[in-house]
Amino acid sequence: MQKSLSILVLGGAVLLTVAACAQTGRSVIGTSSPSFDEVQGKVWVLNELVSESGSSTVINRQKLEADGMGDAFTLIVDAERISGKGAPNRYFSPYILGPDQEISISPIAGTLMMSLVDPEGIQEREYYNYLEQVNQWLLTGDKLELYSETPDGEPIILVYTSD
């Protein structure tokens, strides 16, 4: 009798666990989050900056192409560092991955050409500051989101798509 009660309780616990996982869409065994390997080796182009308040700065990629700046605000990730192009300088920086899709990007180093244009009103140094403050990443399909903050501490999301 006690053995069958133990089996019944164990079975109930398993059912509750499965039901909880189905409700949240998460698995207890393993995770459904993408691997950072899926981020690496692609050219990512910044398409939007989204603030916590919901305001958004959309990057007009067609205008940048027409102005000869189609490669502005790009990001390439390899196994050890990020690199890309600001506006107009090339940059690079090592990064460190942490648990739960955490990422820490070291200070940006790059070329030193003077920026004559701020595409979409975004200054190159401002873009670099956002990258240096990134603390988490999320990959959904072909969209990469980097979670950062402004100098005032307001959360901001850099939204990229793969080229």
Protein backbone atom coordinates (compact mmCIF):
# COMPACT_ATOMS: atom_id res chain seq x y z
CA MET A 1 0.00 0.00 0.00
CA GLN A 2 2.78 2.43 0.95
CA LYS A 3 4.70 1.56 -2.23
CA SER A 4 1.70 2.27 -4.47
CA LEU A 5 1.11 5.57 -2.64
CA SER A 6 4.76 6.53 -3.29
CA ILE A 7 4.36 5.70 -6.99
CA LEU A 8 1.14 7.73 -7.14
CA VAL A 9 2.83 10.76 -5.51
CA LEU A 10 5.85 10.46 -7.82
CA GLY A 11 3.57 10.19 -10.85
CA GLY A 12 1.67 13.27 -9.72
CA ALA A 13 4.91 15.20 -9.31
CA VAL A 14 5.98 14.23 -12.83
CA LEU A 15 2.61 15.32 -14.25
CA LEU A 16 2.80 18.67 -12.45
CA THR A 17 6.33 19.24 -13.75
CA VAL A 18 5.32 18.44 -17.31
CA ALA A 19 2.26 20.69 -17.03
CA ALA A 20 4.35 23.56 -15.65
CA CYS A 21 6.87 23.18 -18.46
CA ALA A 22 4.11 23.15 -21.07
CA GLN A 23 2.58 26.28 -19.58
CA THR A 24 5.82 28.27 -19.56
CA GLY A 25 7.14 26.83 -22.81
CA ARG A 26 10.41 25.92 -21.12
CA SER A 27 11.96 22.55 -20.61
CA VAL A 28 13.41 21.34 -17.33
CA ILE A 29 15.93 19.19 -19.19
CA GLY A 30 18.16 21.43 -21.33
CA THR A 31 17.17 24.85 -22.59
CA SER A 32 15.50 26.02 -25.73
CA SER A 33 17.66 29.15 -25.95
CA PRO A 34 19.83 29.48 -29.05
CA SER A 35 23.56 28.91 -28.94
CA PHE A 36 25.89 31.89 -29.30
CA ASP A 37 27.45 29.94 -32.18
CA GLU A 38 24.39 31.00 -34.21
CA VAL A 39 25.37 34.65 -33.69
CA GLN A 40 28.97 34.19 -34.79
CA GLY A 41 30.24 34.44 -38.36
CA LYS A 42 27.47 36.71 -39.67
CA VAL A 43 27.34 40.38 -40.52
CA TRP A 44 24.70 42.03 -38.34
CA VAL A 45 23.31 45.44 -39.29
CA LEU A 46 21.77 47.77 -36.72
CA ASN A 47 18.15 48.44 -37.67
CA GLU A 48 16.68 50.00 -34.57
CA LEU A 49 17.34 51.39 -31.10
CA VAL A 50 14.46 50.82 -28.69
CA SER A 51 14.30 52.56 -25.31
CA GLU A 52 12.50 51.32 -22.23
CA SER A 53 9.88 54.04 -22.69
CA GLY A 54 9.02 52.50 -26.06
CA SER A 55 10.51 55.24 -28.20
CA SER A 56 12.41 53.94 -31.17
CA THR A 57 15.04 55.16 -33.60
CA VAL A 58 14.72 53.22 -36.85
CA ILE A 59 17.80 53.12 -39.08
CA ASN A 60 16.93 53.88 -42.71
CA ARG A 61 19.22 51.37 -44.40
CA GLN A 62 18.14 52.43 -47.91
CA LYS A 63 19.19 56.02 -47.18
CA LEU A 64 22.51 54.84 -45.75
CA GLU A 65 23.11 52.77 -48.92
CA ALA A 66 22.27 55.77 -51.11
CA ASP A 67 24.66 57.95 -49.10
CA GLY A 68 27.47 55.39 -49.49
CA MET A 69 27.29 54.38 -45.82
CA GLY A 70 25.56 51.01 -46.14
CA ASP A 71 28.10 49.36 -43.86
CA ALA A 72 27.64 51.87 -41.00
CA PHE A 73 26.69 50.44 -37.61
CA THR A 74 27.52 46.84 -38.42
CA LEU A 75 28.60 44.06 -36.09
CA ILE A 76 30.56 40.88 -36.76
CA VAL A 77 31.06 38.36 -33.97
CA ASP A 78 33.77 35.70 -33.99
CA ALA A 79 34.88 33.33 -31.24
CA GLU A 80 36.94 35.94 -29.38
CA ARG A 81 35.86 39.43 -30.35
CA ILE A 82 33.33 41.68 -32.00
CA SER A 83 34.21 43.97 -34.88
CA GLY A 84 32.45 46.06 -37.45
CA LYS A 85 32.04 49.56 -38.68
CA GLY A 86 30.71 52.61 -36.89
CA ALA A 87 30.33 55.80 -38.89
CA PRO A 88 32.99 55.90 -40.46
CA ASN A 89 35.52 54.00 -38.34
CA ARG A 90 36.23 50.29 -38.09
CA TYR A 91 36.23 48.92 -34.55
CA PHE A 92 36.90 45.80 -32.54
CA SER A 93 36.74 44.58 -28.96
CA PRO A 94 37.04 41.31 -27.05
CA TYR A 95 33.99 40.00 -25.23
CA ILE A 96 33.21 37.52 -22.48
CA LEU A 97 30.14 35.30 -22.39
CA GLY A 98 28.41 34.50 -19.13
CA PRO A 99 25.54 32.25 -18.12
CA ASP A 100 21.94 32.94 -19.17
CA GLN A 101 22.88 34.79 -22.37
CA GLU A 102 25.02 37.33 -20.53
CA ILE A 103 27.76 39.11 -22.44
CA SER A 104 30.31 41.72 -21.48
CA ILE A 105 32.07 43.78 -24.15
CA SER A 106 35.39 45.42 -23.35
CA PRO A 107 36.12 49.03 -24.33
CA ILE A 108 36.04 49.56 -28.09
CA ALA A 109 39.24 50.17 -30.06
CA GLY A 110 39.21 51.40 -33.62
CA THR A 111 40.47 53.65 -36.35
CA LEU A 112 40.49 57.40 -35.80
CA MET A 113 38.91 59.05 -38.84
CA MET A 114 36.82 62.11 -38.06
CA SER A 115 33.10 61.52 -38.31
CA LEU A 116 31.45 64.07 -40.58
CA VAL A 117 27.98 62.56 -40.52
CA ASP A 118 25.82 61.11 -37.74
CA PRO A 119 23.51 58.68 -39.56
CA GLU A 120 19.99 58.85 -38.13
CA GLY A 121 21.34 61.27 -35.51
CA ILE A 122 23.40 58.55 -33.84
CA GLN A 123 26.96 59.59 -33.10
CA GLU A 124 29.62 56.94 -33.56
CA ARG A 125 30.88 57.36 -29.98
CA GLU A 126 27.30 56.94 -28.74
CA TYR A 127 27.07 53.64 -30.66
CA TYR A 128 30.36 52.45 -29.16
CA ASN A 129 29.14 53.41 -25.67
CA TYR A 130 26.00 51.33 -26.16
CA LEU A 131 28.15 48.34 -27.19
CA GLU A 132 30.42 48.77 -24.17
CA GLN A 133 27.37 48.71 -21.87
CA VAL A 134 25.80 45.57 -23.38
CA ASN A 135 25.03 42.99 -20.71
CA GLN A 136 22.76 40.46 -22.41
CA TRP A 137 21.91 39.10 -25.87
CA LEU A 138 18.86 37.45 -27.39
CA LEU A 139 18.60 35.76 -30.78
CA THR A 140 15.18 35.23 -32.32
CA GLY A 141 15.26 33.97 -35.90
CA ASP A 142 17.39 36.43 -37.87
CA LYS A 143 17.04 39.17 -35.22
CA LEU A 144 19.78 39.80 -32.64
CA GLU A 145 18.97 42.02 -29.67
CA LEU A 146 21.72 43.43 -27.48
CA TYR A 147 20.55 44.84 -24.15
CA SER A 148 22.42 47.94 -23.03
CA GLU A 149 21.83 51.28 -21.37
CA THR A 150 22.25 54.96 -22.10
CA PRO A 151 24.76 57.12 -20.17
CA ASP A 152 21.80 58.11 -17.96
CA GLY A 153 21.21 54.45 -17.07
CA GLU A 154 18.05 54.05 -19.17
CA PRO A 155 17.76 50.57 -20.69
CA ILE A 156 18.05 50.45 -24.47
CA ILE A 157 17.97 47.59 -26.96
CA LEU A 158 20.12 47.48 -30.09
CA VAL A 159 18.18 45.48 -32.69
CA TYR A 160 20.20 43.91 -35.51
CA THR A 161 19.32 41.69 -38.44
CA SER A 162 21.74 39.45 -40.29
CA ASP A 163 22.87 40.75 -43.66
